[in-house]
Amino acid sequence: MNLYNSINCRVVDDEEKNVFKTLFNNSLFWVILLGELFLQDYMITLGESVIGSAIVGTAALTFNQKLTCHILGALTLAIYPASKMIPL
């Protein structure tokens, strides 16, 4: 969810509802986002072995579990703009 939330955090204007508006303006953002995605996936993959699990403290995930994580994370892309539409 943190990876998807980093996309939401790029828009700090309270009036702006489109989180994708300036998404491609900063190439460094994409380098960091993809690097984070790779490292997180690598740490989960390390969790498949006993030694890797002891080092990074993770457990292996099945494909369905990984898919569920990405779906729940992607839901933040819809929930955040919708929450901005609720009047205070």
PDB file of N, CA and C in Angstrom:
ATOM      1  N   MET A   1       0.824  -1.193   0.000  1.00  0.00           N
ATOM      2  CA  MET A   1       0.000   0.000   0.000  1.00  0.00           C
ATOM      3  C   MET A   1       0.866   1.254   0.000  1.00  0.00           C
ATOM      4  N   ASN A   2       2.035   1.177   0.581  1.00  0.00           N
ATOM      5  CA  ASN A   2       2.917   2.336   0.634  1.00  0.00           C
ATOM      6  C   ASN A   2       3.338   2.773  -0.764  1.00  0.00           C
ATOM      7  N   LEU A   3       3.585   1.830  -1.651  1.00  0.00           N
ATOM      8  CA  LEU A   3       3.984   2.191  -3.016  1.00  0.00           C
ATOM      9  C   LEU A   3       2.872   2.957  -3.727  1.00  0.00           C
ATOM     10  N   TYR A   4       1.648   2.505  -3.573  1.00  0.00           N
ATOM     11  CA  TYR A   4       0.531   3.187  -4.214  1.00  0.00           C
ATOM     12  C   TYR A   4       0.241   4.513  -3.525  1.00  0.00           C
ATOM     13  N   ASN A   5       0.434   4.567  -2.219  1.00  0.00           N
ATOM     14  CA  ASN A   5       0.201   5.809  -1.495  1.00  0.00           C
ATOM     15  C   ASN A   5       1.220   6.878  -1.881  1.00  0.00           C
ATOM     16  N   SER A   6       2.411   6.465  -2.282  1.00  0.00           N
ATOM     17  CA  SER A   6       3.395   7.458  -2.714  1.00  0.00           C
ATOM     18  C   SER A   6       2.919   8.197  -3.967  1.00  0.00           C
ATOM     19  N   ILE A   7       2.101   7.567  -4.773  1.00  0.00           N
ATOM     20  CA  ILE A   7       1.502   8.257  -5.938  1.00  0.00           C
ATOM     21  C   ILE A   7       0.495   9.292  -5.450  1.00  0.00           C
ATOM     22  N   ASN A   8      -0.310   8.920  -4.453  1.00  0.00           N
ATOM     23  CA  ASN A   8      -1.276   9.866  -3.890  1.00  0.00           C
ATOM     24  C   ASN A   8      -0.593  11.056  -3.234  1.00  0.00           C
ATOM     25  N   CYS A   9       0.531  10.829  -2.606  1.00  0.00           N
ATOM     26  CA  CYS A   9       1.224  11.901  -1.870  1.00  0.00           C
ATOM     27  C   CYS A   9       1.849  12.939  -2.786  1.00  0.00           C
ATOM     28  N   ARG A  10       1.920  12.674  -4.056  1.00  0.00           N
ATOM     29  CA  ARG A  10       2.514  13.648  -4.975  1.00  0.00           C
ATOM     30  C   ARG A  10       1.622  14.869  -5.145  1.00  0.00           C
ATOM     31  N   VAL A  11       0.339  14.744  -4.884  1.00  0.00           N
ATOM     32  CA  VAL A  11      -0.595  15.861  -5.020  1.00  0.00           C
ATOM     33  C   VAL A  11      -0.922  16.379  -3.624  1.00  0.00           C
ATOM     34  N   VAL A  12      -0.452  17.591  -3.317  1.00  0.00           N
ATOM     35  CA  VAL A  12      -0.674  18.150  -1.991  1.00  0.00           C
ATOM     36  C   VAL A  12      -1.741  19.247  -1.983  1.00  0.00           C
ATOM     37  N   ASP A  13      -2.192  19.654  -3.149  1.00  0.00           N
ATOM     38  CA  ASP A  13      -3.225  20.680  -3.241  1.00  0.00           C
ATOM     39  C   ASP A  13      -4.573  20.077  -2.851  1.00  0.00           C
ATOM     40  N   ASP A  14      -5.266  20.716  -1.921  1.00  0.00           N
ATOM     41  CA  ASP A  14      -6.552  20.197  -1.450  1.00  0.00           C
ATOM     42  C   ASP A  14      -7.624  20.214  -2.537  1.00  0.00           C
ATOM     43  N   GLU A  15      -7.500  21.130  -3.479  1.00  0.00           N
ATOM     44  CA  GLU A  15      -8.510  21.258  -4.531  1.00  0.00           C
ATOM     45  C   GLU A  15      -8.290  20.258  -5.667  1.00  0.00           C
ATOM     46  N   GLU A  16      -7.072  19.802  -5.865  1.00  0.00           N
ATOM     47  CA  GLU A  16      -6.752  18.900  -6.981  1.00  0.00           C
ATOM     48  C   GLU A  16      -7.186  17.477  -6.637  1.00  0.00           C
ATOM     49  N   LYS A  17      -7.989  16.885  -7.492  1.00  0.00           N
ATOM     50  CA  LYS A  17      -8.493  15.532  -7.257  1.00  0.00           C
ATOM     51  C   LYS A  17      -7.800  14.486  -8.130  1.00  0.00           C
ATOM     52  N   ASN A  18      -7.119  14.935  -9.178  1.00  0.00           N
ATOM     53  CA  ASN A  18      -6.471  14.019 -10.113  1.00  0.00           C
ATOM     54  C   ASN A  18      -5.038  13.743  -9.647  1.00  0.00           C
ATOM     55  N   VAL A  19      -4.809  12.542  -9.094  1.00  0.00           N
ATOM     56  CA  VAL A  19      -3.477  12.203  -8.585  1.00  0.00           C
ATOM     57  C   VAL A  19      -2.509  11.847  -9.709  1.00  0.00           C
ATOM     58  N   PHE A  20      -3.006  11.664 -10.909  1.00  0.00           N
ATOM     59  CA  PHE A  20      -2.165  11.284 -12.045  1.00  0.00           C
ATOM     60  C   PHE A  20      -1.713  12.489 -12.875  1.00  0.00           C
ATOM     61  N   LYS A  21      -2.113  13.699 -12.482  1.00  0.00           N
ATOM     62  CA  LYS A  21      -1.871  14.895 -13.284  1.00  0.00           C
ATOM     63  C   LYS A  21      -0.380  15.140 -13.540  1.00  0.00           C
ATOM     64  N   THR A  22       0.443  15.080 -12.527  1.00  0.00           N
ATOM     65  CA  THR A  22       1.872  15.364 -12.674  1.00  0.00           C
ATOM     66  C   THR A  22       2.731  14.119 -12.470  1.00  0.00           C
ATOM     67  N   LEU A  23       2.172  12.973 -12.743  1.00  0.00           N
ATOM     68  CA  LEU A  23       2.840  11.704 -12.446  1.00  0.00           C
ATOM     69  C   LEU A  23       4.115  11.503 -13.262  1.00  0.00           C
ATOM     70  N   PHE A  24       4.158  11.995 -14.477  1.00  0.00           N
ATOM     71  CA  PHE A  24       5.309  11.747 -15.352  1.00  0.00           C
ATOM     72  C   PHE A  24       6.257  12.943 -15.449  1.00  0.00           C
ATOM     73  N   ASN A  25       6.133  13.902 -14.536  1.00  0.00           N
ATOM     74  CA  ASN A  25       6.996  15.085 -14.568  1.00  0.00           C
ATOM     75  C   ASN A  25       8.351  14.847 -13.918  1.00  0.00           C
ATOM     76  N   ASN A  26       8.482  13.829 -13.101  1.00  0.00           N
ATOM     77  CA  ASN A  26       9.709  13.617 -12.347  1.00  0.00           C
ATOM     78  C   ASN A  26      10.203  12.191 -12.557  1.00  0.00           C
ATOM     79  N   SER A  27      11.291  12.041 -13.301  1.00  0.00           N
ATOM     80  CA  SER A  27      11.812  10.701 -13.581  1.00  0.00           C
ATOM     81  C   SER A  27      12.471  10.073 -12.351  1.00  0.00           C
ATOM     82  N   LEU A  28      12.986  10.885 -11.452  1.00  0.00           N
ATOM     83  CA  LEU A  28      13.580  10.350 -10.225  1.00  0.00           C
ATOM     84  C   LEU A  28      12.535   9.633  -9.369  1.00  0.00           C
ATOM     85  N   PHE A  29      11.307  10.146  -9.368  1.00  0.00           N
ATOM     86  CA  PHE A  29      10.215   9.483  -8.654  1.00  0.00           C
ATOM     87  C   PHE A  29      10.039   8.050  -9.152  1.00  0.00           C
ATOM     88  N   TRP A  30      10.083   7.863 -10.472  1.00  0.00           N
ATOM     89  CA  TRP A  30       9.896   6.531 -11.040  1.00  0.00           C
ATOM     90  C   TRP A  30      11.062   5.607 -10.710  1.00  0.00           C
ATOM     91  N   VAL A  31      12.272   6.146 -10.688  1.00  0.00           N
ATOM     92  CA  VAL A  31      13.438   5.337 -10.326  1.00  0.00           C
ATOM     93  C   VAL A  31      13.294   4.838  -8.889  1.00  0.00           C
ATOM     94  N   ILE A  32      12.907   5.740  -7.999  1.00  0.00           N
ATOM     95  CA  ILE A  32      12.745   5.363  -6.590  1.00  0.00           C
ATOM     96  C   ILE A  32      11.577   4.400  -6.416  1.00  0.00           C
ATOM     97  N   LEU A  33      10.455   4.663  -7.078  1.00  0.00           N
ATOM     98  CA  LEU A  33       9.278   3.791  -6.955  1.00  0.00           C
ATOM     99  C   LEU A  33       9.585   2.382  -7.459  1.00  0.00           C
ATOM    100  N   LEU A  34      10.214   2.273  -8.623  1.00  0.00           N
ATOM    101  CA  LEU A  34      10.532   0.952  -9.166  1.00  0.00           C
ATOM    102  C   LEU A  34      11.608   0.247  -8.336  1.00  0.00           C
ATOM    103  N   GLY A  35      12.566   1.021  -7.815  1.00  0.00           N
ATOM    104  CA  GLY A  35      13.580   0.438  -6.939  1.00  0.00           C
ATOM    105  C   GLY A  35      12.967  -0.114  -5.667  1.00  0.00           C
ATOM    106  N   GLU A  36      12.022   0.641  -5.091  1.00  0.00           N
ATOM    107  CA  GLU A  36      11.320   0.173  -3.895  1.00  0.00           C
ATOM    108  C   GLU A  36      10.511  -1.086  -4.184  1.00  0.00           C
ATOM    109  N   LEU A  37       9.831  -1.102  -5.325  1.00  0.00           N
ATOM    110  CA  LEU A  37       9.050  -2.271  -5.718  1.00  0.00           C
ATOM    111  C   LEU A  37       9.954  -3.492  -5.873  1.00  0.00           C
ATOM    112  N   PHE A  38      11.091  -3.312  -6.519  1.00  0.00           N
ATOM    113  CA  PHE A  38      12.026  -4.413  -6.710  1.00  0.00           C
ATOM    114  C   PHE A  38      12.554  -4.923  -5.367  1.00  0.00           C
ATOM    115  N   LEU A  39      12.966  -4.010  -4.481  1.00  0.00           N
ATOM    116  CA  LEU A  39      13.516  -4.426  -3.188  1.00  0.00           C
ATOM    117  C   LEU A  39      12.482  -5.129  -2.321  1.00  0.00           C
ATOM    118  N   GLN A  40      11.253  -4.643  -2.327  1.00  0.00           N
ATOM    119  CA  GLN A  40      10.210  -5.298  -1.539  1.00  0.00           C
ATOM    120  C   GLN A  40       9.923  -6.697  -2.077  1.00  0.00           C
ATOM    121  N   ASP A  41       9.861  -6.825  -3.393  1.00  0.00           N
ATOM    122  CA  ASP A  41       9.618  -8.135  -3.980  1.00  0.00           C
ATOM    123  C   ASP A  41      10.792  -9.078  -3.713  1.00  0.00           C
ATOM    124  N   TYR A  42      12.000  -8.543  -3.754  1.00  0.00           N
ATOM    125  CA  TYR A  42      13.184  -9.357  -3.481  1.00  0.00           C
ATOM    126  C   TYR A  42      13.190  -9.846  -2.033  1.00  0.00           C
ATOM    127  N   MET A  43      12.802  -8.986  -1.103  1.00  0.00           N
ATOM    128  CA  MET A  43      12.763  -9.393   0.298  1.00  0.00           C
ATOM    129  C   MET A  43      11.711 -10.472   0.535  1.00  0.00           C
ATOM    130  N   ILE A  44      10.591 -10.388  -0.158  1.00  0.00           N
ATOM    131  CA  ILE A  44       9.569 -11.430  -0.044  1.00  0.00           C
ATOM    132  C   ILE A  44      10.083 -12.728  -0.649  1.00  0.00           C
ATOM    133  N   THR A  45      10.799 -12.628  -1.759  1.00  0.00           N
ATOM    134  CA  THR A  45      11.373 -13.824  -2.392  1.00  0.00           C
ATOM    135  C   THR A  45      12.424 -14.456  -1.487  1.00  0.00           C
ATOM    136  N   LEU A  46      13.206 -13.636  -0.788  1.00  0.00           N
ATOM    137  CA  LEU A  46      14.185 -14.171   0.163  1.00  0.00           C
ATOM    138  C   LEU A  46      13.506 -14.963   1.275  1.00  0.00           C
ATOM    139  N   GLY A  47      12.280 -14.603   1.601  1.00  0.00           N
ATOM    140  CA  GLY A  47      11.542 -15.282   2.655  1.00  0.00           C
ATOM    141  C   GLY A  47      11.195 -16.720   2.337  1.00  0.00           C
ATOM    142  N   GLU A  48      11.404 -17.130   1.082  1.00  0.00           N
ATOM    143  CA  GLU A  48      11.119 -18.520   0.710  1.00  0.00           C
ATOM    144  C   GLU A  48      12.143 -19.485   1.286  1.00  0.00           C
ATOM    145  N   SER A  49      13.346 -19.003   1.567  1.00  0.00           N
ATOM    146  CA  SER A  49      14.368 -19.874   2.155  1.00  0.00           C
ATOM    147  C   SER A  49      14.446 -19.626   3.667  1.00  0.00           C
ATOM    148  N   VAL A  50      14.936 -20.595   4.386  1.00  0.00           N
ATOM    149  CA  VAL A  50      15.040 -20.490   5.841  1.00  0.00           C
ATOM    150  C   VAL A  50      16.028 -19.391   6.228  1.00  0.00           C
ATOM    151  N   ILE A  51      17.162 -19.350   5.555  1.00  0.00           N
ATOM    152  CA  ILE A  51      18.188 -18.354   5.874  1.00  0.00           C
ATOM    153  C   ILE A  51      17.705 -16.947   5.508  1.00  0.00           C
ATOM    154  N   GLY A  52      17.110 -16.808   4.319  1.00  0.00           N
ATOM    155  CA  GLY A  52      16.598 -15.508   3.890  1.00  0.00           C
ATOM    156  C   GLY A  52      15.488 -15.007   4.798  1.00  0.00           C
ATOM    157  N   SER A  53      14.640 -15.911   5.237  1.00  0.00           N
ATOM    158  CA  SER A  53      13.562 -15.545   6.143  1.00  0.00           C
ATOM    159  C   SER A  53      14.108 -15.062   7.481  1.00  0.00           C
ATOM    160  N   ALA A  54      15.172 -15.698   7.948  1.00  0.00           N
ATOM    161  CA  ALA A  54      15.792 -15.285   9.215  1.00  0.00           C
ATOM    162  C   ALA A  54      16.484 -13.932   9.075  1.00  0.00           C
ATOM    163  N   ILE A  55      17.044 -13.656   7.917  1.00  0.00           N
ATOM    164  CA  ILE A  55      17.770 -12.394   7.716  1.00  0.00           C
ATOM    165  C   ILE A  55      16.816 -11.214   7.595  1.00  0.00           C
ATOM    166  N   VAL A  56      15.818 -11.315   6.717  1.00  0.00           N
ATOM    167  CA  VAL A  56      14.934 -10.173   6.473  1.00  0.00           C
ATOM    168  C   VAL A  56      13.625 -10.258   7.247  1.00  0.00           C
ATOM    169  N   GLY A  57      13.321 -11.391   7.856  1.00  0.00           N
ATOM    170  CA  GLY A  57      12.121 -11.524   8.672  1.00  0.00           C
ATOM    171  C   GLY A  57      10.832 -11.546   7.879  1.00  0.00           C
ATOM    172  N   THR A  58      10.868 -12.118   6.682  1.00  0.00           N
ATOM    173  CA  THR A  58       9.658 -12.211   5.866  1.00  0.00           C
ATOM    174  C   THR A  58       9.309 -13.668   5.606  1.00  0.00           C
ATOM    175  N   ALA A  59       8.115 -13.889   5.108  1.00  0.00           N
ATOM    176  CA  ALA A  59       7.668 -15.220   4.720  1.00  0.00           C
ATOM    177  C   ALA A  59       7.265 -15.170   3.254  1.00  0.00           C
ATOM    178  N   ALA A  60       7.302 -16.301   2.617  1.00  0.00           N
ATOM    179  CA  ALA A  60       6.939 -16.367   1.197  1.00  0.00           C
ATOM    180  C   ALA A  60       5.445 -16.097   1.018  1.00  0.00           C
ATOM    181  N   LEU A  61       5.102 -15.461  -0.091  1.00  0.00           N
ATOM    182  CA  LEU A  61       3.708 -15.220  -0.441  1.00  0.00           C
ATOM    183  C   LEU A  61       3.372 -15.970  -1.716  1.00  0.00           C
ATOM    184  N   THR A  62       2.151 -16.461  -1.804  1.00  0.00           N
ATOM    185  CA  THR A  62       1.693 -17.099  -3.028  1.00  0.00           C
ATOM    186  C   THR A  62       1.330 -16.003  -4.037  1.00  0.00           C
ATOM    187  N   PHE A  63       1.095 -16.408  -5.265  1.00  0.00           N
ATOM    188  CA  PHE A  63       0.706 -15.441  -6.300  1.00  0.00           C
ATOM    189  C   PHE A  63      -0.591 -14.738  -5.917  1.00  0.00           C
ATOM    190  N   ASN A  64      -1.563 -15.485  -5.398  1.00  0.00           N
ATOM    191  CA  ASN A  64      -2.848 -14.888  -5.013  1.00  0.00           C
ATOM    192  C   ASN A  64      -2.678 -13.876  -3.878  1.00  0.00           C
ATOM    193  N   GLN A  65      -1.777 -14.147  -2.946  1.00  0.00           N
ATOM    194  CA  GLN A  65      -1.523 -13.207  -1.859  1.00  0.00           C
ATOM    195  C   GLN A  65      -0.872 -11.930  -2.391  1.00  0.00           C
ATOM    196  N   LYS A  66       0.068 -12.075  -3.312  1.00  0.00           N
ATOM    197  CA  LYS A  66       0.695 -10.896  -3.914  1.00  0.00           C
ATOM    198  C   LYS A  66      -0.325 -10.085  -4.706  1.00  0.00           C
ATOM    199  N   LEU A  67      -1.181 -10.772  -5.439  1.00  0.00           N
ATOM    200  CA  LEU A  67      -2.217 -10.102  -6.219  1.00  0.00           C
ATOM    201  C   LEU A  67      -3.174  -9.347  -5.303  1.00  0.00           C
ATOM    202  N   THR A  68      -3.561  -9.968  -4.193  1.00  0.00           N
ATOM    203  CA  THR A  68      -4.436  -9.313  -3.229  1.00  0.00           C
ATOM    204  C   THR A  68      -3.781  -8.054  -2.666  1.00  0.00           C
ATOM    205  N   CYS A  69      -2.495  -8.128  -2.366  1.00  0.00           N
ATOM    206  CA  CYS A  69      -1.767  -6.954  -1.862  1.00  0.00           C
ATOM    207  C   CYS A  69      -1.797  -5.823  -2.873  1.00  0.00           C
ATOM    208  N   HIS A  70      -1.581  -6.126  -4.141  1.00  0.00           N
ATOM    209  CA  HIS A  70      -1.574  -5.082  -5.170  1.00  0.00           C
ATOM    210  C   HIS A  70      -2.970  -4.508  -5.403  1.00  0.00           C
ATOM    211  N   ILE A  71      -3.981  -5.346  -5.339  1.00  0.00           N
ATOM    212  CA  ILE A  71      -5.356  -4.849  -5.516  1.00  0.00           C
ATOM    213  C   ILE A  71      -5.736  -3.924  -4.366  1.00  0.00           C
ATOM    214  N   LEU A  72      -5.440  -4.341  -3.135  1.00  0.00           N
ATOM    215  CA  LEU A  72      -5.754  -3.488  -1.984  1.00  0.00           C
ATOM    216  C   LEU A  72      -4.960  -2.182  -2.035  1.00  0.00           C
ATOM    217  N   GLY A  73      -3.717  -2.260  -2.458  1.00  0.00           N
ATOM    218  CA  GLY A  73      -2.916  -1.048  -2.591  1.00  0.00           C
ATOM    219  C   GLY A  73      -3.461  -0.121  -3.659  1.00  0.00           C
ATOM    220  N   ALA A  74      -3.872  -0.684  -4.777  1.00  0.00           N
ATOM    221  CA  ALA A  74      -4.401   0.127  -5.877  1.00  0.00           C
ATOM    222  C   ALA A  74      -5.729   0.791  -5.501  1.00  0.00           C
ATOM    223  N   LEU A  75      -6.438   0.207  -4.558  1.00  0.00           N
ATOM    224  CA  LEU A  75      -7.694   0.818  -4.111  1.00  0.00           C
ATOM    225  C   LEU A  75      -7.457   2.193  -3.485  1.00  0.00           C
ATOM    226  N   THR A  76      -6.271   2.418  -2.941  1.00  0.00           N
ATOM    227  CA  THR A  76      -5.984   3.732  -2.363  1.00  0.00           C
ATOM    228  C   THR A  76      -5.989   4.813  -3.430  1.00  0.00           C
ATOM    229  N   LEU A  77      -5.731   4.440  -4.685  1.00  0.00           N
ATOM    230  CA  LEU A  77      -5.751   5.422  -5.773  1.00  0.00           C
ATOM    231  C   LEU A  77      -7.165   5.930  -6.034  1.00  0.00           C
ATOM    232  N   ALA A  78      -8.172   5.144  -5.661  1.00  0.00           N
ATOM    233  CA  ALA A  78      -9.561   5.583  -5.814  1.00  0.00           C
ATOM    234  C   ALA A  78     -10.104   6.179  -4.521  1.00  0.00           C
ATOM    235  N   ILE A  79      -9.669   5.637  -3.395  1.00  0.00           N
ATOM    236  CA  ILE A  79     -10.224   6.093  -2.109  1.00  0.00           C
ATOM    237  C   ILE A  79      -9.733   7.501  -1.760  1.00  0.00           C
ATOM    238  N   TYR A  80      -8.476   7.791  -2.014  1.00  0.00           N
ATOM    239  CA  TYR A  80      -7.921   9.096  -1.651  1.00  0.00           C
ATOM    240  C   TYR A  80      -8.637  10.247  -2.371  1.00  0.00           C
ATOM    241  N   PRO A  81      -8.785  10.215  -3.711  1.00  0.00           N
ATOM    242  CA  PRO A  81      -9.522  11.313  -4.365  1.00  0.00           C
ATOM    243  C   PRO A  81     -10.992  11.361  -3.927  1.00  0.00           C
ATOM    244  N   ALA A  82     -11.580  10.200  -3.665  1.00  0.00           N
ATOM    245  CA  ALA A  82     -12.980  10.195  -3.218  1.00  0.00           C
ATOM    246  C   ALA A  82     -13.106  10.830  -1.840  1.00  0.00           C
ATOM    247  N   SER A  83     -12.106  10.630  -0.987  1.00  0.00           N
ATOM    248  CA  SER A  83     -12.171  11.222   0.353  1.00  0.00           C
ATOM    249  C   SER A  83     -12.034  12.748   0.293  1.00  0.00           C
ATOM    250  N   LYS A  84     -11.391  13.262  -0.744  1.00  0.00           N
ATOM    251  CA  LYS A  84     -11.271  14.707  -0.897  1.00  0.00           C
ATOM    252  C   LYS A  84     -12.607  15.355  -1.259  1.00  0.00           C
ATOM    253  N   MET A  85     -13.530  14.572  -1.777  1.00  0.00           N
ATOM    254  CA  MET A  85     -14.836  15.104  -2.184  1.00  0.00           C
ATOM    255  C   MET A  85     -15.804  15.210  -1.013  1.00  0.00           C
ATOM    256  N   ILE A  86     -15.478  14.607   0.123  1.00  0.00           N
ATOM    257  CA  ILE A  86     -16.343  14.668   1.288  1.00  0.00           C
ATOM    258  C   ILE A  86     -16.118  16.025   1.972  1.00  0.00           C
ATOM    259  N   PRO A  87     -17.176  16.822   2.114  1.00  0.00           N
ATOM    260  CA  PRO A  87     -16.983  18.128   2.746  1.00  0.00           C
ATOM    261  C   PRO A  87     -16.682  17.984   4.238  1.00  0.00           C
ATOM    262  N   LEU A  88     -15.848  18.889   4.731  1.00  0.00           N
ATOM    263  CA  LEU A  88     -15.497  18.839   6.149  1.00  0.00           C
ATOM    264  C   LEU A  88     -16.630  19.334   6.961  1.00  0.00           C
TER     265      LEU A  88
END
